[in-house]
Amino acid sequence: MGEAKRRKETLGDKYGQEEPIITWLPITKSQSEQFVKWTTRGSWIGITFLVVWWVTVRFIGPSAGWWQVD
C-alpha cells in the first residue's frame, strides 16, 4: 500500500483539505500567503502615492504658484 493511500485512509474526509496554521484559528496557509501578497501590494501602492504627493507639494506646487515658499 502506498503512502498516499495510507494517508487517505487515516484522514478520511479531511484528506486533501488544508490544515489551519493554528488549530483554534480558521486560517489556512494559502489564505495567509494571499494576505501577505495583498498587504505587500497595498503597501507599495501607498508608498507610490506618498512619493507622488511629496513631489507635487515640494516641486510642482511652488513652481506653479500654488504655495508661497520663503
PDB file of N, CA and C in Angstrom:
ATOM      1  N   MET A   1       0.846  -1.170   0.000  1.00  0.00           N
ATOM      2  CA  MET A   1       0.000   0.000   0.000  1.00  0.00           C
ATOM      3  C   MET A   1       0.895   1.237   0.000  1.00  0.00           C
ATOM      4  N   GLY A   2       0.565   2.194  -0.846  1.00  0.00           N
ATOM      5  CA  GLY A   2       1.362   3.404  -0.948  1.00  0.00           C
ATOM      6  C   GLY A   2       1.059   4.384   0.175  1.00  0.00           C
ATOM      7  N   GLU A   3       1.969   5.322   0.333  1.00  0.00           N
ATOM      8  CA  GLU A   3       1.822   6.318   1.394  1.00  0.00           C
ATOM      9  C   GLU A   3       0.579   7.177   1.210  1.00  0.00           C
ATOM     10  N   ALA A   4       0.255   7.544  -0.029  1.00  0.00           N
ATOM     11  CA  ALA A   4      -0.919   8.381  -0.277  1.00  0.00           C
ATOM     12  C   ALA A   4      -2.201   7.646   0.104  1.00  0.00           C
ATOM     13  N   LYS A   5      -2.282   6.371  -0.224  1.00  0.00           N
ATOM     14  CA  LYS A   5      -3.483   5.584   0.134  1.00  0.00           C
ATOM     15  C   LYS A   5      -3.588   5.443   1.648  1.00  0.00           C
ATOM     16  N   ARG A   6      -2.496   5.220   2.307  1.00  0.00           N
ATOM     17  CA  ARG A   6      -2.496   5.082   3.760  1.00  0.00           C
ATOM     18  C   ARG A   6      -2.937   6.402   4.417  1.00  0.00           C
ATOM     19  N   ARG A   7      -2.426   7.489   3.904  1.00  0.00           N
ATOM     20  CA  ARG A   7      -2.809   8.792   4.438  1.00  0.00           C
ATOM     21  C   ARG A   7      -4.288   9.067   4.193  1.00  0.00           C
ATOM     22  N   LYS A   8      -4.778   8.672   3.016  1.00  0.00           N
ATOM     23  CA  LYS A   8      -6.185   8.878   2.692  1.00  0.00           C
ATOM     24  C   LYS A   8      -7.081   8.080   3.624  1.00  0.00           C
ATOM     25  N   GLU A   9      -6.702   6.868   3.928  1.00  0.00           N
ATOM     26  CA  GLU A   9      -7.492   6.046   4.847  1.00  0.00           C
ATOM     27  C   GLU A   9      -7.448   6.607   6.265  1.00  0.00           C
ATOM     28  N   THR A  10      -6.297   7.127   6.666  1.00  0.00           N
ATOM     29  CA  THR A  10      -6.152   7.664   8.017  1.00  0.00           C
ATOM     30  C   THR A  10      -6.957   8.952   8.193  1.00  0.00           C
ATOM     31  N   LEU A  11      -6.888   9.844   7.207  1.00  0.00           N
ATOM     32  CA  LEU A  11      -7.552  11.137   7.337  1.00  0.00           C
ATOM     33  C   LEU A  11      -9.044  11.079   7.003  1.00  0.00           C
ATOM     34  N   GLY A  12      -9.441  10.193   6.154  1.00  0.00           N
ATOM     35  CA  GLY A  12     -10.856  10.061   5.804  1.00  0.00           C
ATOM     36  C   GLY A  12     -11.367  11.274   5.047  1.00  0.00           C
ATOM     37  N   ASP A  13     -12.376  11.959   5.598  1.00  0.00           N
ATOM     38  CA  ASP A  13     -12.995  13.106   4.924  1.00  0.00           C
ATOM     39  C   ASP A  13     -12.075  14.317   4.850  1.00  0.00           C
ATOM     40  N   LYS A  14     -11.105  14.408   5.712  1.00  0.00           N
ATOM     41  CA  LYS A  14     -10.207  15.567   5.735  1.00  0.00           C
ATOM     42  C   LYS A  14      -9.061  15.452   4.735  1.00  0.00           C
ATOM     43  N   TYR A  15      -9.008  14.353   3.986  1.00  0.00           N
ATOM     44  CA  TYR A  15      -7.929  14.148   3.022  1.00  0.00           C
ATOM     45  C   TYR A  15      -8.030  15.183   1.899  1.00  0.00           C
ATOM     46  N   GLY A  16      -6.939  15.861   1.620  1.00  0.00           N
ATOM     47  CA  GLY A  16      -6.873  16.854   0.555  1.00  0.00           C
ATOM     48  C   GLY A  16      -7.258  18.253   0.998  1.00  0.00           C
ATOM     49  N   GLN A  17      -7.721  18.412   2.215  1.00  0.00           N
ATOM     50  CA  GLN A  17      -8.065  19.737   2.726  1.00  0.00           C
ATOM     51  C   GLN A  17      -6.858  20.311   3.453  1.00  0.00           C
ATOM     52  N   GLU A  18      -6.750  21.619   3.370  1.00  0.00           N
ATOM     53  CA  GLU A  18      -5.623  22.277   4.029  1.00  0.00           C
ATOM     54  C   GLU A  18      -5.855  22.349   5.530  1.00  0.00           C
ATOM     55  N   GLU A  19      -4.775  22.249   6.259  1.00  0.00           N
ATOM     56  CA  GLU A  19      -4.849  22.386   7.706  1.00  0.00           C
ATOM     57  C   GLU A  19      -4.705  23.850   8.078  1.00  0.00           C
ATOM     58  N   PRO A  20      -5.377  24.273   9.148  1.00  0.00           N
ATOM     59  CA  PRO A  20      -5.184  25.649   9.603  1.00  0.00           C
ATOM     60  C   PRO A  20      -3.783  25.839  10.195  1.00  0.00           C
ATOM     61  N   ILE A  21      -3.314  27.082  10.210  1.00  0.00           N
ATOM     62  CA  ILE A  21      -1.997  27.380  10.758  1.00  0.00           C
ATOM     63  C   ILE A  21      -1.966  27.055  12.246  1.00  0.00           C
ATOM     64  N   ILE A  22      -2.980  27.545  12.947  1.00  0.00           N
ATOM     65  CA  ILE A  22      -3.146  27.272  14.372  1.00  0.00           C
ATOM     66  C   ILE A  22      -4.485  26.571  14.516  1.00  0.00           C
ATOM     67  N   THR A  23      -4.557  25.582  15.383  1.00  0.00           N
ATOM     68  CA  THR A  23      -5.768  24.769  15.465  1.00  0.00           C
ATOM     69  C   THR A  23      -7.013  25.575  15.793  1.00  0.00           C
ATOM     70  N   TRP A  24      -6.912  26.592  16.628  1.00  0.00           N
ATOM     71  CA  TRP A  24      -8.085  27.374  17.012  1.00  0.00           C
ATOM     72  C   TRP A  24      -8.358  28.551  16.085  1.00  0.00           C
ATOM     73  N   LEU A  25      -7.488  28.798  15.089  1.00  0.00           N
ATOM     74  CA  LEU A  25      -7.644  29.901  14.154  1.00  0.00           C
ATOM     75  C   LEU A  25      -7.960  29.341  12.767  1.00  0.00           C
ATOM     76  N   PRO A  26      -9.134  29.628  12.222  1.00  0.00           N
ATOM     77  CA  PRO A  26      -9.523  29.014  10.946  1.00  0.00           C
ATOM     78  C   PRO A  26      -8.915  29.687   9.717  1.00  0.00           C
ATOM     79  N   ILE A  27      -7.596  29.850   9.697  1.00  0.00           N
ATOM     80  CA  ILE A  27      -6.899  30.440   8.552  1.00  0.00           C
ATOM     81  C   ILE A  27      -5.896  29.417   8.035  1.00  0.00           C
ATOM     82  N   THR A  28      -5.971  29.124   6.743  1.00  0.00           N
ATOM     83  CA  THR A  28      -5.067  28.137   6.153  1.00  0.00           C
ATOM     84  C   THR A  28      -3.788  28.818   5.672  1.00  0.00           C
ATOM     85  N   LYS A  29      -2.836  28.005   5.286  1.00  0.00           N
ATOM     86  CA  LYS A  29      -1.558  28.543   4.819  1.00  0.00           C
ATOM     87  C   LYS A  29      -1.722  29.343   3.535  1.00  0.00           C
ATOM     88  N   SER A  30      -2.555  28.868   2.608  1.00  0.00           N
ATOM     89  CA  SER A  30      -2.738  29.607   1.357  1.00  0.00           C
ATOM     90  C   SER A  30      -3.442  30.940   1.609  1.00  0.00           C
ATOM     91  N   GLN A  31      -4.367  30.989   2.557  1.00  0.00           N
ATOM     92  CA  GLN A  31      -5.019  32.248   2.898  1.00  0.00           C
ATOM     93  C   GLN A  31      -4.017  33.233   3.499  1.00  0.00           C
ATOM     94  N   SER A  32      -3.103  32.736   4.315  1.00  0.00           N
ATOM     95  CA  SER A  32      -2.095  33.628   4.896  1.00  0.00           C
ATOM     96  C   SER A  32      -1.143  34.143   3.821  1.00  0.00           C
ATOM     97  N   GLU A  33      -0.822  33.317   2.836  1.00  0.00           N
ATOM     98  CA  GLU A  33       0.037  33.765   1.738  1.00  0.00           C
ATOM     99  C   GLU A  33      -0.665  34.839   0.908  1.00  0.00           C
ATOM    100  N   GLN A  34      -1.972  34.672   0.670  1.00  0.00           N
ATOM    101  CA  GLN A  34      -2.737  35.687  -0.056  1.00  0.00           C
ATOM    102  C   GLN A  34      -2.772  36.997   0.728  1.00  0.00           C
ATOM    103  N   PHE A  35      -2.924  36.918   2.039  1.00  0.00           N
ATOM    104  CA  PHE A  35      -2.944  38.119   2.881  1.00  0.00           C
ATOM    105  C   PHE A  35      -1.625  38.874   2.773  1.00  0.00           C
ATOM    106  N   VAL A  36      -0.524  38.161   2.831  1.00  0.00           N
ATOM    107  CA  VAL A  36       0.793  38.798   2.714  1.00  0.00           C
ATOM    108  C   VAL A  36       0.952  39.424   1.335  1.00  0.00           C
ATOM    109  N   LYS A  37       0.487  38.731   0.294  1.00  0.00           N
ATOM    110  CA  LYS A  37       0.586  39.245  -1.072  1.00  0.00           C
ATOM    111  C   LYS A  37      -0.197  40.546  -1.225  1.00  0.00           C
ATOM    112  N   TRP A  38      -1.436  40.581  -0.741  1.00  0.00           N
ATOM    113  CA  TRP A  38      -2.276  41.768  -0.875  1.00  0.00           C
ATOM    114  C   TRP A  38      -1.771  42.933  -0.014  1.00  0.00           C
ATOM    115  N   THR A  39      -1.308  42.648   1.194  1.00  0.00           N
ATOM    116  CA  THR A  39      -0.818  43.740   2.039  1.00  0.00           C
ATOM    117  C   THR A  39       0.487  44.315   1.497  1.00  0.00           C
ATOM    118  N   THR A  40       1.324  43.486   0.912  1.00  0.00           N
ATOM    119  CA  THR A  40       2.558  43.975   0.292  1.00  0.00           C
ATOM    120  C   THR A  40       2.232  44.864  -0.896  1.00  0.00           C
ATOM    121  N   ARG A  41       1.291  44.423  -1.724  1.00  0.00           N
ATOM    122  CA  ARG A  41       0.877  45.225  -2.883  1.00  0.00           C
ATOM    123  C   ARG A  41       0.275  46.558  -2.422  1.00  0.00           C
ATOM    124  N   GLY A  42      -0.559  46.519  -1.399  1.00  0.00           N
ATOM    125  CA  GLY A  42      -1.162  47.734  -0.871  1.00  0.00           C
ATOM    126  C   GLY A  42      -0.128  48.695  -0.303  1.00  0.00           C
ATOM    127  N   SER A  43       0.876  48.147   0.352  1.00  0.00           N
ATOM    128  CA  SER A  43       1.946  48.984   0.898  1.00  0.00           C
ATOM    129  C   SER A  43       2.700  49.709  -0.212  1.00  0.00           C
ATOM    130  N   TRP A  44       3.018  49.007  -1.288  1.00  0.00           N
ATOM    131  CA  TRP A  44       3.742  49.639  -2.389  1.00  0.00           C
ATOM    132  C   TRP A  44       2.885  50.693  -3.070  1.00  0.00           C
ATOM    133  N   ILE A  45       1.583  50.447  -3.170  1.00  0.00           N
ATOM    134  CA  ILE A  45       0.690  51.457  -3.749  1.00  0.00           C
ATOM    135  C   ILE A  45       0.673  52.694  -2.861  1.00  0.00           C
ATOM    136  N   GLY A  46       0.606  52.503  -1.552  1.00  0.00           N
ATOM    137  CA  GLY A  46       0.628  53.630  -0.618  1.00  0.00           C
ATOM    138  C   GLY A  46       1.928  54.413  -0.688  1.00  0.00           C
ATOM    139  N   ILE A  47       3.041  53.718  -0.779  1.00  0.00           N
ATOM    140  CA  ILE A  47       4.346  54.387  -0.891  1.00  0.00           C
ATOM    141  C   ILE A  47       4.416  55.198  -2.177  1.00  0.00           C
ATOM    142  N   THR A  48       3.900  54.650  -3.264  1.00  0.00           N
ATOM    143  CA  THR A  48       3.895  55.355  -4.549  1.00  0.00           C
ATOM    144  C   THR A  48       3.072  56.638  -4.467  1.00  0.00           C
ATOM    145  N   PHE A  49       1.865  56.542  -3.886  1.00  0.00           N
ATOM    146  CA  PHE A  49       1.037  57.740  -3.736  1.00  0.00           C
ATOM    147  C   PHE A  49       1.712  58.781  -2.849  1.00  0.00           C
ATOM    148  N   LEU A  50       2.387  58.338  -1.802  1.00  0.00           N
ATOM    149  CA  LEU A  50       3.085  59.260  -0.914  1.00  0.00           C
ATOM    150  C   LEU A  50       4.199  59.999  -1.658  1.00  0.00           C
ATOM    151  N   VAL A  51       4.967  59.297  -2.477  1.00  0.00           N
ATOM    152  CA  VAL A  51       6.051  59.923  -3.247  1.00  0.00           C
ATOM    153  C   VAL A  51       5.483  60.908  -4.261  1.00  0.00           C
ATOM    154  N   VAL A  52       4.389  60.518  -4.939  1.00  0.00           N
ATOM    155  CA  VAL A  52       3.769  61.421  -5.917  1.00  0.00           C
ATOM    156  C   VAL A  52       3.251  62.673  -5.221  1.00  0.00           C
ATOM    157  N   TRP A  53       2.623  62.514  -4.059  1.00  0.00           N
ATOM    158  CA  TRP A  53       2.122  63.666  -3.297  1.00  0.00           C
ATOM    159  C   TRP A  53       3.271  64.570  -2.861  1.00  0.00           C
ATOM    160  N   TRP A  54       4.365  63.977  -2.388  1.00  0.00           N
ATOM    161  CA  TRP A  54       5.507  64.760  -1.931  1.00  0.00           C
ATOM    162  C   TRP A  54       6.113  65.556  -3.093  1.00  0.00           C
ATOM    163  N   VAL A  55       6.280  64.923  -4.245  1.00  0.00           N
ATOM    164  CA  VAL A  55       6.834  65.619  -5.410  1.00  0.00           C
ATOM    165  C   VAL A  55       5.911  66.763  -5.816  1.00  0.00           C
ATOM    166  N   THR A  56       4.612  66.523  -5.770  1.00  0.00           N
ATOM    167  CA  THR A  56       3.652  67.573  -6.132  1.00  0.00           C
ATOM    168  C   THR A  56       3.753  68.752  -5.184  1.00  0.00           C
ATOM    169  N   VAL A  57       3.747  68.492  -3.897  1.00  0.00           N
ATOM    170  CA  VAL A  57       3.792  69.572  -2.914  1.00  0.00           C
ATOM    171  C   VAL A  57       5.140  70.275  -2.927  1.00  0.00           C
ATOM    172  N   ARG A  58       6.227  69.540  -3.062  1.00  0.00           N
ATOM    173  CA  ARG A  58       7.570  70.108  -2.931  1.00  0.00           C
ATOM    174  C   ARG A  58       8.028  70.845  -4.184  1.00  0.00           C
ATOM    175  N   PHE A  59       7.756  70.306  -5.366  1.00  0.00           N
ATOM    176  CA  PHE A  59       8.311  70.882  -6.586  1.00  0.00           C
ATOM    177  C   PHE A  59       7.266  71.493  -7.519  1.00  0.00           C
ATOM    178  N   ILE A  60       6.225  70.771  -7.826  1.00  0.00           N
ATOM    179  CA  ILE A  60       5.251  71.246  -8.810  1.00  0.00           C
ATOM    180  C   ILE A  60       4.421  72.400  -8.254  1.00  0.00           C
ATOM    181  N   GLY A  61       3.995  72.293  -6.994  1.00  0.00           N
ATOM    182  CA  GLY A  61       3.173  73.342  -6.385  1.00  0.00           C
ATOM    183  C   GLY A  61       3.834  74.698  -6.371  1.00  0.00           C
ATOM    184  N   PRO A  62       5.048  74.815  -5.814  1.00  0.00           N
ATOM    185  CA  PRO A  62       5.709  76.135  -5.794  1.00  0.00           C
ATOM    186  C   PRO A  62       6.008  76.687  -7.182  1.00  0.00           C
ATOM    187  N   SER A  63       6.364  75.829  -8.117  1.00  0.00           N
ATOM    188  CA  SER A  63       6.677  76.333  -9.461  1.00  0.00           C
ATOM    189  C   SER A  63       5.417  76.802 -10.189  1.00  0.00           C
ATOM    190  N   ALA A  64       4.264  76.258  -9.815  1.00  0.00           N
ATOM    191  CA  ALA A  64       3.012  76.688 -10.426  1.00  0.00           C
ATOM    192  C   ALA A  64       2.391  77.854  -9.661  1.00  0.00           C
ATOM    193  N   GLY A  65       2.985  78.236  -8.534  1.00  0.00           N
ATOM    194  CA  GLY A  65       2.475  79.349  -7.767  1.00  0.00           C
ATOM    195  C   GLY A  65       1.352  78.978  -6.815  1.00  0.00           C
ATOM    196  N   TRP A  66       1.209  77.708  -6.518  1.00  0.00           N
ATOM    197  CA  TRP A  66       0.130  77.271  -5.626  1.00  0.00           C
ATOM    198  C   TRP A  66       0.431  77.596  -4.183  1.00  0.00           C
ATOM    199  N   TRP A  67       1.707  77.510  -3.795  1.00  0.00           N
ATOM    200  CA  TRP A  67       2.087  77.772  -2.421  1.00  0.00           C
ATOM    201  C   TRP A  67       3.225  78.791  -2.419  1.00  0.00           C
ATOM    202  N   GLN A  68       3.220  79.607  -1.424  1.00  0.00           N
ATOM    203  CA  GLN A  68       4.291  80.591  -1.285  1.00  0.00           C
ATOM    204  C   GLN A  68       5.391  79.987  -0.425  1.00  0.00           C
ATOM    205  N   VAL A  69       6.604  79.816  -0.981  1.00  0.00           N
ATOM    206  CA  VAL A  69       7.736  79.262  -0.248  1.00  0.00           C
ATOM    207  C   VAL A  69       8.730  80.377  -0.008  1.00  0.00           C
ATOM    208  N   ASP A  70       9.099  80.568   1.235  1.00  0.00           N
ATOM    209  CA  ASP A  70      10.062  81.628   1.564  1.00  0.00           C
ATOM    210  C   ASP A  70      11.471  81.108   1.618  1.00  0.00           C
TER     211      ASP A  70
END
